[in-house]
């Protein structure tokens, strides 16, 4: 089970899923996580919990940037993130990290 850490902002600062929310959503079991500033979190009992699991697939299952990859690339500092199934991630030490 993923350790849940309270996010740095509150529901009063930003309401995910509201009319002004443009954050990408990721289905996570029985709830939706929101991608926000390089991390993902979900509402829980009046606050947001962090849900920073590694990506659900591996480099052996799909190579982003390869000849068969059609995922959109997004510059993120000194590397590229790839938009994939409603989330974005980047290669890091032999696996993909959620961004």
PDB file of N, CA and C in Angstrom:
ATOM      1  N   UNK A   1       0.831  -1.172   0.000  1.00  0.00           N
ATOM      2  CA  UNK A   1       0.000   0.000   0.000  1.00  0.00           C
ATOM      3  C   UNK A   1       0.880   1.242   0.000  1.00  0.00           C
ATOM      4  N   UNK A   2       0.467   2.299  -0.714  1.00  0.00           N
ATOM      5  CA  UNK A   2       1.217   3.527  -0.824  1.00  0.00           C
ATOM      6  C   UNK A   2       1.069   4.364   0.432  1.00  0.00           C
ATOM      7  N   UNK A   3       2.188   4.875   0.938  1.00  0.00           N
ATOM      8  CA  UNK A   3       2.122   5.789   2.065  1.00  0.00           C
ATOM      9  C   UNK A   3       1.456   7.074   1.595  1.00  0.00           C
ATOM     10  N   UNK A   4       0.517   7.579   2.358  1.00  0.00           N
ATOM     11  CA  UNK A   4      -0.192   8.787   1.972  1.00  0.00           C
ATOM     12  C   UNK A   4       0.308   9.956   2.786  1.00  0.00           C
ATOM     13  N   UNK A   5       0.750  11.004   2.110  1.00  0.00           N
ATOM     14  CA  UNK A   5       1.289  12.204   2.723  1.00  0.00           C
ATOM     15  C   UNK A   5       0.386  13.360   2.327  1.00  0.00           C
ATOM     16  N   UNK A   6       0.079  14.224   3.261  1.00  0.00           N
ATOM     17  CA  UNK A   6      -0.800  15.340   2.964  1.00  0.00           C
ATOM     18  C   UNK A   6      -0.123  16.297   1.983  1.00  0.00           C
ATOM     19  N   UNK A   7      -0.855  16.744   0.973  1.00  0.00           N
ATOM     20  CA  UNK A   7      -0.338  17.651  -0.041  1.00  0.00           C
ATOM     21  C   UNK A   7      -0.086  19.032   0.559  1.00  0.00           C
ATOM     22  N   UNK A   8       0.685  19.849  -0.148  1.00  0.00           N
ATOM     23  CA  UNK A   8       1.097  21.150   0.359  1.00  0.00           C
ATOM     24  C   UNK A   8       0.019  22.221   0.240  1.00  0.00           C
ATOM     25  N   UNK A   9      -1.052  21.984  -0.477  1.00  0.00           N
ATOM     26  CA  UNK A   9      -2.101  22.983  -0.578  1.00  0.00           C
ATOM     27  C   UNK A   9      -3.427  22.400  -0.118  1.00  0.00           C
ATOM     28  N   UNK A  10      -4.405  23.258   0.062  1.00  0.00           N
ATOM     29  CA  UNK A  10      -5.670  22.849   0.652  1.00  0.00           C
ATOM     30  C   UNK A  10      -6.805  22.940  -0.362  1.00  0.00           C
ATOM     31  N   UNK A  11      -7.946  22.388   0.030  1.00  0.00           N
ATOM     32  CA  UNK A  11      -9.145  22.457  -0.804  1.00  0.00           C
ATOM     33  C   UNK A  11      -9.592  23.893  -1.020  1.00  0.00           C
ATOM     34  N   UNK A  12      -9.361  24.773  -0.063  1.00  0.00           N
ATOM     35  CA  UNK A  12      -9.779  26.172  -0.228  1.00  0.00           C
ATOM     36  C   UNK A  12      -8.885  26.904  -1.224  1.00  0.00           C
ATOM     37  N   UNK A  13      -7.649  26.463  -1.410  1.00  0.00           N
ATOM     38  CA  UNK A  13      -6.747  27.087  -2.369  1.00  0.00           C
ATOM     39  C   UNK A  13      -7.062  26.682  -3.805  1.00  0.00           C
ATOM     40  N   UNK A  14      -7.508  25.443  -3.998  1.00  0.00           N
ATOM     41  CA  UNK A  14      -7.854  24.953  -5.346  1.00  0.00           C
ATOM     42  C   UNK A  14      -8.764  23.749  -5.225  1.00  0.00           C
ATOM     43  N   UNK A  15      -9.864  23.768  -5.944  1.00  0.00           N
ATOM     44  CA  UNK A  15     -10.807  22.651  -5.931  1.00  0.00           C
ATOM     45  C   UNK A  15     -10.627  21.839  -7.209  1.00  0.00           C
ATOM     46  N   UNK A  16      -9.965  20.682  -7.121  1.00  0.00           N
ATOM     47  CA  UNK A  16      -9.808  19.841  -8.301  1.00  0.00           C
ATOM     48  C   UNK A  16     -11.170  19.355  -8.772  1.00  0.00           C
ATOM     49  N   UNK A  17     -11.317  19.298 -10.102  1.00  0.00           N
ATOM     50  CA  UNK A  17     -12.566  18.848 -10.683  1.00  0.00           C
ATOM     51  C   UNK A  17     -13.583  19.969 -10.845  1.00  0.00           C
ATOM     52  N   UNK A  18     -13.267  21.137 -10.325  1.00  0.00           N
ATOM     53  CA  UNK A  18     -14.165  22.286 -10.443  1.00  0.00           C
ATOM     54  C   UNK A  18     -14.082  22.910 -11.828  1.00  0.00           C
ATOM     55  N   UNK A  19     -14.903  23.929 -12.073  1.00  0.00           N
ATOM     56  CA  UNK A  19     -14.967  24.529 -13.416  1.00  0.00           C
ATOM     57  C   UNK A  19     -13.664  25.194 -13.861  1.00  0.00           C
ATOM     58  N   UNK A  20     -12.807  25.610 -12.934  1.00  0.00           N
ATOM     59  CA  UNK A  20     -11.545  26.259 -13.289  1.00  0.00           C
ATOM     60  C   UNK A  20     -10.351  25.311 -13.256  1.00  0.00           C
ATOM     61  N   UNK A  21     -10.591  24.024 -13.038  1.00  0.00           N
ATOM     62  CA  UNK A  21      -9.502  23.052 -12.930  1.00  0.00           C
ATOM     63  C   UNK A  21      -9.164  22.489 -14.310  1.00  0.00           C
ATOM     64  N   UNK A  22      -7.892  22.603 -14.685  1.00  0.00           N
ATOM     65  CA  UNK A  22      -7.437  22.076 -15.974  1.00  0.00           C
ATOM     66  C   UNK A  22      -6.419  20.958 -15.786  1.00  0.00           C
ATOM     67  N   UNK A  23      -6.289  20.430 -14.579  1.00  0.00           N
ATOM     68  CA  UNK A  23      -5.304  19.380 -14.307  1.00  0.00           C
ATOM     69  C   UNK A  23      -5.751  18.043 -14.891  1.00  0.00           C
ATOM     70  N   UNK A  24      -4.780  17.287 -15.370  1.00  0.00           N
ATOM     71  CA  UNK A  24      -5.018  15.967 -15.939  1.00  0.00           C
ATOM     72  C   UNK A  24      -5.446  15.021 -14.825  1.00  0.00           C
ATOM     73  N   UNK A  25      -6.408  14.143 -15.115  1.00  0.00           N
ATOM     74  CA  UNK A  25      -6.894  13.177 -14.139  1.00  0.00           C
ATOM     75  C   UNK A  25      -6.386  11.778 -14.454  1.00  0.00           C
ATOM     76  N   UNK A  26      -6.213  10.967 -13.399  1.00  0.00           N
ATOM     77  CA  UNK A  26      -5.786   9.582 -13.518  1.00  0.00           C
ATOM     78  C   UNK A  26      -6.690   8.746 -12.619  1.00  0.00           C
ATOM     79  N   UNK A  27      -7.353   7.735 -13.189  1.00  0.00           N
ATOM     80  CA  UNK A  27      -8.157   6.842 -12.372  1.00  0.00           C
ATOM     81  C   UNK A  27      -7.233   6.032 -11.472  1.00  0.00           C
ATOM     82  N   UNK A  28      -7.503   5.983 -10.177  1.00  0.00           N
ATOM     83  CA  UNK A  28      -6.643   5.302  -9.209  1.00  0.00           C
ATOM     84  C   UNK A  28      -7.543   4.496  -8.288  1.00  0.00           C
ATOM     85  N   UNK A  29      -7.842   3.271  -8.693  1.00  0.00           N
ATOM     86  CA  UNK A  29      -8.754   2.430  -7.917  1.00  0.00           C
ATOM     87  C   UNK A  29     -10.150   3.003  -7.922  1.00  0.00           C
ATOM     88  N   UNK A  30     -10.667   3.327  -6.751  1.00  0.00           N
ATOM     89  CA  UNK A  30     -12.044   3.807  -6.641  1.00  0.00           C
ATOM     90  C   UNK A  30     -12.159   5.330  -6.632  1.00  0.00           C
ATOM     91  N   UNK A  31     -11.067   6.043  -6.963  1.00  0.00           N
ATOM     92  CA  UNK A  31     -11.108   7.499  -6.966  1.00  0.00           C
ATOM     93  C   UNK A  31     -10.234   8.037  -8.103  1.00  0.00           C
ATOM     94  N   UNK A  32     -10.228   9.353  -8.252  1.00  0.00           N
ATOM     95  CA  UNK A  32      -9.450  10.023  -9.292  1.00  0.00           C
ATOM     96  C   UNK A  32      -8.319  10.797  -8.633  1.00  0.00           C
ATOM     97  N   UNK A  33      -7.099  10.643  -9.173  1.00  0.00           N
ATOM     98  CA  UNK A  33      -5.972  11.474  -8.775  1.00  0.00           C
ATOM     99  C   UNK A  33      -5.852  12.609  -9.779  1.00  0.00           C
ATOM    100  N   UNK A  34      -5.283  13.727  -9.339  1.00  0.00           N
ATOM    101  CA  UNK A  34      -5.049  14.883 -10.199  1.00  0.00           C
ATOM    102  C   UNK A  34      -3.556  15.139 -10.300  1.00  0.00           C
ATOM    103  N   UNK A  35      -3.047  15.315 -11.538  1.00  0.00           N
ATOM    104  CA  UNK A  35      -1.643  15.647 -11.756  1.00  0.00           C
ATOM    105  C   UNK A  35      -1.485  17.136 -11.521  1.00  0.00           C
ATOM    106  N   UNK A  36      -0.553  17.508 -10.649  1.00  0.00           N
ATOM    107  CA  UNK A  36      -0.434  18.904 -10.235  1.00  0.00           C
ATOM    108  C   UNK A  36       0.996  19.208  -9.827  1.00  0.00           C
ATOM    109  N   UNK A  37       1.681  20.087 -10.561  1.00  0.00           N
ATOM    110  CA  UNK A  37       3.036  20.528 -10.224  1.00  0.00           C
ATOM    111  C   UNK A  37       4.010  19.364 -10.002  1.00  0.00           C
ATOM    112  N   UNK A  38       3.991  18.382 -10.888  1.00  0.00           N
ATOM    113  CA  UNK A  38       4.949  17.282 -10.836  1.00  0.00           C
ATOM    114  C   UNK A  38       4.610  16.179  -9.860  1.00  0.00           C
ATOM    115  N   UNK A  39       3.396  16.160  -9.327  1.00  0.00           N
ATOM    116  CA  UNK A  39       2.980  15.089  -8.429  1.00  0.00           C
ATOM    117  C   UNK A  39       1.504  14.826  -8.654  1.00  0.00           C
ATOM    118  N   UNK A  40       0.969  13.809  -8.000  1.00  0.00           N
ATOM    119  CA  UNK A  40      -0.459  13.537  -8.123  1.00  0.00           C
ATOM    120  C   UNK A  40      -1.053  13.315  -6.739  1.00  0.00           C
ATOM    121  N   UNK A  41      -2.278  13.764  -6.599  1.00  0.00           N
ATOM    122  CA  UNK A  41      -2.933  13.635  -5.309  1.00  0.00           C
ATOM    123  C   UNK A  41      -4.434  13.544  -5.478  1.00  0.00           C
ATOM    124  N   UNK A  42      -5.112  13.170  -4.399  1.00  0.00           N
ATOM    125  CA  UNK A  42      -6.558  12.990  -4.403  1.00  0.00           C
ATOM    126  C   UNK A  42      -7.134  13.555  -3.111  1.00  0.00           C
ATOM    127  N   UNK A  43      -8.389  14.001  -3.200  1.00  0.00           N
ATOM    128  CA  UNK A  43      -9.075  14.515  -2.019  1.00  0.00           C
ATOM    129  C   UNK A  43      -9.349  13.380  -1.035  1.00  0.00           C
ATOM    130  N   UNK A  44      -9.150  13.675   0.260  1.00  0.00           N
ATOM    131  CA  UNK A  44      -9.375  12.680   1.306  1.00  0.00           C
ATOM    132  C   UNK A  44      -9.671  13.403   2.619  1.00  0.00           C
ATOM    133  N   UNK A  45     -10.889  13.261   3.097  1.00  0.00           N
ATOM    134  CA  UNK A  45     -11.301  13.807   4.390  1.00  0.00           C
ATOM    135  C   UNK A  45     -10.897  15.265   4.580  1.00  0.00           C
ATOM    136  N   UNK A  46     -11.198  16.109   3.596  1.00  0.00           N
ATOM    137  CA  UNK A  46     -10.983  17.544   3.717  1.00  0.00           C
ATOM    138  C   UNK A  46      -9.612  18.055   3.350  1.00  0.00           C
ATOM    139  N   UNK A  47      -8.745  17.187   2.827  1.00  0.00           N
ATOM    140  CA  UNK A  47      -7.433  17.609   2.352  1.00  0.00           C
ATOM    141  C   UNK A  47      -7.042  16.741   1.154  1.00  0.00           C
ATOM    142  N   UNK A  48      -5.902  17.036   0.541  1.00  0.00           N
ATOM    143  CA  UNK A  48      -5.382  16.233  -0.555  1.00  0.00           C
ATOM    144  C   UNK A  48      -4.253  15.342  -0.046  1.00  0.00           C
ATOM    145  N   UNK A  49      -4.295  14.043  -0.393  1.00  0.00           N
ATOM    146  CA  UNK A  49      -3.209  13.117  -0.095  1.00  0.00           C
ATOM    147  C   UNK A  49      -2.351  12.927  -1.330  1.00  0.00           C
ATOM    148  N   UNK A  50      -1.035  12.851  -1.137  1.00  0.00           N
ATOM    149  CA  UNK A  50      -0.116  12.567  -2.238  1.00  0.00           C
ATOM    150  C   UNK A  50      -0.239  11.096  -2.626  1.00  0.00           C
ATOM    151  N   UNK A  51      -0.146  10.827  -3.931  1.00  0.00           N
ATOM    152  CA  UNK A  51      -0.175   9.461  -4.450  1.00  0.00           C
ATOM    153  C   UNK A  51       0.926   9.343  -5.498  1.00  0.00           C
ATOM    154  N   UNK A  52       2.155   9.291  -5.069  1.00  0.00           N
ATOM    155  CA  UNK A  52       3.284   9.303  -5.994  1.00  0.00           C
ATOM    156  C   UNK A  52       3.820   7.903  -6.270  1.00  0.00           C
ATOM    157  N   UNK A  53       2.965   7.024  -6.804  1.00  0.00           N
ATOM    158  CA  UNK A  53       3.398   5.690  -7.208  1.00  0.00           C
ATOM    159  C   UNK A  53       4.203   5.778  -8.493  1.00  0.00           C
ATOM    160  N   UNK A  54       5.103   4.828  -8.741  1.00  0.00           N
ATOM    161  CA  UNK A  54       5.762   4.775 -10.046  1.00  0.00           C
ATOM    162  C   UNK A  54       4.754   4.441 -11.147  1.00  0.00           C
ATOM    163  N   UNK A  55       5.124   4.733 -12.368  1.00  0.00           N
ATOM    164  CA  UNK A  55       4.241   4.461 -13.499  1.00  0.00           C
ATOM    165  C   UNK A  55       3.874   2.982 -13.543  1.00  0.00           C
ATOM    166  N   UNK A  56       2.739   2.677 -14.150  1.00  0.00           N
ATOM    167  CA  UNK A  56       2.199   1.322 -14.122  1.00  0.00           C
ATOM    168  C   UNK A  56       2.774   0.408 -15.194  1.00  0.00           C
ATOM    169  N   UNK A  57       3.654   0.899 -16.047  1.00  0.00           N
ATOM    170  CA  UNK A  57       4.298   0.034 -17.031  1.00  0.00           C
ATOM    171  C   UNK A  57       5.807   0.246 -16.986  1.00  0.00           C
ATOM    172  N   UNK A  58       6.534  -0.624 -17.638  1.00  0.00           N
ATOM    173  CA  UNK A  58       7.992  -0.615 -17.565  1.00  0.00           C
ATOM    174  C   UNK A  58       8.595  -0.279 -18.912  1.00  0.00           C
ATOM    175  N   UNK A  59       9.897  -0.044 -18.910  1.00  0.00           N
ATOM    176  CA  UNK A  59      10.629   0.234 -20.144  1.00  0.00           C
ATOM    177  C   UNK A  59      10.564  -0.936 -21.114  1.00  0.00           C
ATOM    178  N   UNK A  60      10.492  -2.161 -20.609  1.00  0.00           N
ATOM    179  CA  UNK A  60      10.424  -3.321 -21.499  1.00  0.00           C
ATOM    180  C   UNK A  60       9.049  -3.424 -22.163  1.00  0.00           C
ATOM    181  N   UNK A  61       8.010  -2.880 -21.548  1.00  0.00           N
ATOM    182  CA  UNK A  61       6.670  -2.917 -22.130  1.00  0.00           C
ATOM    183  C   UNK A  61       6.465  -1.844 -23.192  1.00  0.00           C
ATOM    184  N   UNK A  62       7.121  -0.694 -23.020  1.00  0.00           N
ATOM    185  CA  UNK A  62       6.979   0.404 -23.979  1.00  0.00           C
ATOM    186  C   UNK A  62       8.144   1.357 -23.832  1.00  0.00           C
ATOM    187  N   UNK A  63       8.776   1.697 -24.930  1.00  0.00           N
ATOM    188  CA  UNK A  63       9.892   2.644 -24.925  1.00  0.00           C
ATOM    189  C   UNK A  63       9.417   3.985 -25.466  1.00  0.00           C
ATOM    190  N   UNK A  64       9.227   4.967 -24.570  1.00  0.00           N
ATOM    191  CA  UNK A  64       8.829   6.298 -25.018  1.00  0.00           C
ATOM    192  C   UNK A  64       9.931   6.916 -25.866  1.00  0.00           C
ATOM    193  N   UNK A  65       9.516   7.602 -26.919  1.00  0.00           N
ATOM    194  CA  UNK A  65      10.462   8.226 -27.829  1.00  0.00           C
ATOM    195  C   UNK A  65      10.968   7.286 -28.904  1.00  0.00           C
ATOM    196  N   UNK A  66      10.604   6.005 -28.825  1.00  0.00           N
ATOM    197  CA  UNK A  66      11.016   5.026 -29.828  1.00  0.00           C
ATOM    198  C   UNK A  66      10.219   5.174 -31.114  1.00  0.00           C
ATOM    199  N   UNK A  67      10.550   4.392 -32.119  1.00  0.00           N
ATOM    200  CA  UNK A  67       9.896   4.530 -33.437  1.00  0.00           C
ATOM    201  C   UNK A  67       8.395   4.234 -33.415  1.00  0.00           C
ATOM    202  N   UNK A  68       7.918   3.426 -32.479  1.00  0.00           N
ATOM    203  CA  UNK A  68       6.495   3.103 -32.418  1.00  0.00           C
ATOM    204  C   UNK A  68       5.727   3.959 -31.413  1.00  0.00           C
ATOM    205  N   UNK A  69       6.379   4.906 -30.777  1.00  0.00           N
ATOM    206  CA  UNK A  69       5.744   5.728 -29.743  1.00  0.00           C
ATOM    207  C   UNK A  69       4.991   6.896 -30.382  1.00  0.00           C
ATOM    208  N   UNK A  70       3.725   7.022 -30.036  1.00  0.00           N
ATOM    209  CA  UNK A  70       2.912   8.140 -30.537  1.00  0.00           C
ATOM    210  C   UNK A  70       2.494   9.073 -29.406  1.00  0.00           C
ATOM    211  N   UNK A  71       3.068   8.900 -28.210  1.00  0.00           N
ATOM    212  CA  UNK A  71       2.710   9.749 -27.076  1.00  0.00           C
ATOM    213  C   UNK A  71       3.350  11.127 -27.201  1.00  0.00           C
ATOM    214  N   UNK A  72       2.619  12.140 -26.806  1.00  0.00           N
ATOM    215  CA  UNK A  72       3.116  13.511 -26.873  1.00  0.00           C
ATOM    216  C   UNK A  72       4.236  13.709 -25.861  1.00  0.00           C
ATOM    217  N   UNK A  73       5.329  14.357 -26.310  1.00  0.00           N
ATOM    218  CA  UNK A  73       6.459  14.667 -25.442  1.00  0.00           C
ATOM    219  C   UNK A  73       6.328  16.108 -24.955  1.00  0.00           C
ATOM    220  N   UNK A  74       6.650  16.317 -23.674  1.00  0.00           N
ATOM    221  CA  UNK A  74       6.578  17.641 -23.062  1.00  0.00           C
ATOM    222  C   UNK A  74       7.915  17.922 -22.389  1.00  0.00           C
ATOM    223  N   UNK A  75       8.568  19.036 -22.757  1.00  0.00           N
ATOM    224  CA  UNK A  75       9.833  19.405 -22.128  1.00  0.00           C
ATOM    225  C   UNK A  75       9.604  19.685 -20.646  1.00  0.00           C
ATOM    226  N   UNK A  76      10.436  19.092 -19.770  1.00  0.00           N
ATOM    227  CA  UNK A  76      10.334  19.264 -18.330  1.00  0.00           C
ATOM    228  C   UNK A  76      11.741  19.458 -17.786  1.00  0.00           C
ATOM    229  N   UNK A  77      12.205  20.690 -17.751  1.00  0.00           N
ATOM    230  CA  UNK A  77      13.574  20.962 -17.316  1.00  0.00           C
ATOM    231  C   UNK A  77      14.570  20.368 -18.280  1.00  0.00           C
ATOM    232  N   UNK A  78      15.411  19.457 -17.789  1.00  0.00           N
ATOM    233  CA  UNK A  78      16.474  18.882 -18.609  1.00  0.00           C
ATOM    234  C   UNK A  78      16.091  17.562 -19.270  1.00  0.00           C
ATOM    235  N   UNK A  79      14.791  17.193 -19.247  1.00  0.00           N
ATOM    236  CA  UNK A  79      14.360  15.927 -19.842  1.00  0.00           C
ATOM    237  C   UNK A  79      12.965  16.082 -20.445  1.00  0.00           C
ATOM    238  N   UNK A  80      12.503  15.022 -21.093  1.00  0.00           N
ATOM    239  CA  UNK A  80      11.163  14.996 -21.665  1.00  0.00           C
ATOM    240  C   UNK A  80      10.253  14.125 -20.821  1.00  0.00           C
ATOM    241  N   UNK A  81       9.044  14.602 -20.565  1.00  0.00           N
ATOM    242  CA  UNK A  81       7.981  13.780 -20.015  1.00  0.00           C
ATOM    243  C   UNK A  81       7.127  13.325 -21.180  1.00  0.00           C
ATOM    244  N   UNK A  82       6.444  12.194 -21.031  1.00  0.00           N
ATOM    245  CA  UNK A  82       5.552  11.685 -22.061  1.00  0.00           C
ATOM    246  C   UNK A  82       4.145  11.560 -21.496  1.00  0.00           C
ATOM    247  N   UNK A  83       3.168  12.117 -22.231  1.00  0.00           N
ATOM    248  CA  UNK A  83       1.771  11.999 -21.841  1.00  0.00           C
ATOM    249  C   UNK A  83       1.293  10.615 -22.228  1.00  0.00           C
ATOM    250  N   UNK A  84       0.751   9.869 -21.258  1.00  0.00           N
ATOM    251  CA  UNK A  84       0.403   8.477 -21.480  1.00  0.00           C
ATOM    252  C   UNK A  84      -0.805   8.121 -20.630  1.00  0.00           C
ATOM    253  N   UNK A  85      -1.903   7.768 -21.263  1.00  0.00           N
ATOM    254  CA  UNK A  85      -3.114   7.337 -20.565  1.00  0.00           C
ATOM    255  C   UNK A  85      -3.540   8.305 -19.468  1.00  0.00           C
ATOM    256  N   UNK A  86      -3.509   9.603 -19.761  1.00  0.00           N
ATOM    257  CA  UNK A  86      -3.983  10.593 -18.826  1.00  0.00           C
ATOM    258  C   UNK A  86      -2.988  11.030 -17.773  1.00  0.00           C
ATOM    259  N   UNK A  87      -1.744  10.594 -17.860  1.00  0.00           N
ATOM    260  CA  UNK A  87      -0.723  11.040 -16.920  1.00  0.00           C
ATOM    261  C   UNK A  87       0.567  11.265 -17.682  1.00  0.00           C
ATOM    262  N   UNK A  88       1.552  11.872 -17.028  1.00  0.00           N
ATOM    263  CA  UNK A  88       2.838  12.055 -17.687  1.00  0.00           C
ATOM    264  C   UNK A  88       3.940  11.517 -16.800  1.00  0.00           C
ATOM    265  N   UNK A  89       4.949  10.956 -17.446  1.00  0.00           N
ATOM    266  CA  UNK A  89       6.070  10.384 -16.737  1.00  0.00           C
ATOM    267  C   UNK A  89       7.333  10.447 -17.579  1.00  0.00           C
ATOM    268  N   UNK A  90       8.454  10.175 -16.925  1.00  0.00           N
ATOM    269  CA  UNK A  90       9.757  10.234 -17.589  1.00  0.00           C
ATOM    270  C   UNK A  90      10.613   9.068 -17.130  1.00  0.00           C
ATOM    271  N   UNK A  91      11.543   8.680 -17.991  1.00  0.00           N
ATOM    272  CA  UNK A  91      12.468   7.603 -17.654  1.00  0.00           C
ATOM    273  C   UNK A  91      13.418   8.060 -16.553  1.00  0.00           C
ATOM    274  N   UNK A  92      13.677   7.172 -15.587  1.00  0.00           N
ATOM    275  CA  UNK A  92      14.586   7.481 -14.488  1.00  0.00           C
ATOM    276  C   UNK A  92      15.172   6.186 -13.945  1.00  0.00           C
ATOM    277  N   UNK A  93      16.467   6.004 -14.096  1.00  0.00           N
ATOM    278  CA  UNK A  93      17.190   4.854 -13.572  1.00  0.00           C
ATOM    279  C   UNK A  93      16.505   3.510 -13.848  1.00  0.00           C
ATOM    280  N   UNK A  94      16.111   3.293 -15.104  1.00  0.00           N
ATOM    281  CA  UNK A  94      15.577   2.018 -15.529  1.00  0.00           C
ATOM    282  C   UNK A  94      14.085   1.825 -15.322  1.00  0.00           C
ATOM    283  N   UNK A  95      13.368   2.872 -14.934  1.00  0.00           N
ATOM    284  CA  UNK A  95      11.914   2.786 -14.789  1.00  0.00           C
ATOM    285  C   UNK A  95      11.326   4.165 -15.117  1.00  0.00           C
ATOM    286  N   UNK A  96      10.005   4.260 -15.126  1.00  0.00           N
ATOM    287  CA  UNK A  96       9.334   5.530 -15.356  1.00  0.00           C
ATOM    288  C   UNK A  96       8.830   6.080 -14.028  1.00  0.00           C
ATOM    289  N   UNK A  97       9.095   7.357 -13.788  1.00  0.00           N
ATOM    290  CA  UNK A  97       8.551   8.054 -12.623  1.00  0.00           C
ATOM    291  C   UNK A  97       7.384   8.922 -13.055  1.00  0.00           C
ATOM    292  N   UNK A  98       6.336   8.977 -12.238  1.00  0.00           N
ATOM    293  CA  UNK A  98       5.235   9.900 -12.460  1.00  0.00           C
ATOM    294  C   UNK A  98       5.719  11.320 -12.261  1.00  0.00           C
ATOM    295  N   UNK A  99       5.273  12.209 -13.115  1.00  0.00           N
ATOM    296  CA  UNK A  99       5.581  13.654 -12.978  1.00  0.00           C
ATOM    297  C   UNK A  99       4.274  14.395 -12.993  1.00  0.00           C
TER     298      UNK A  99
END
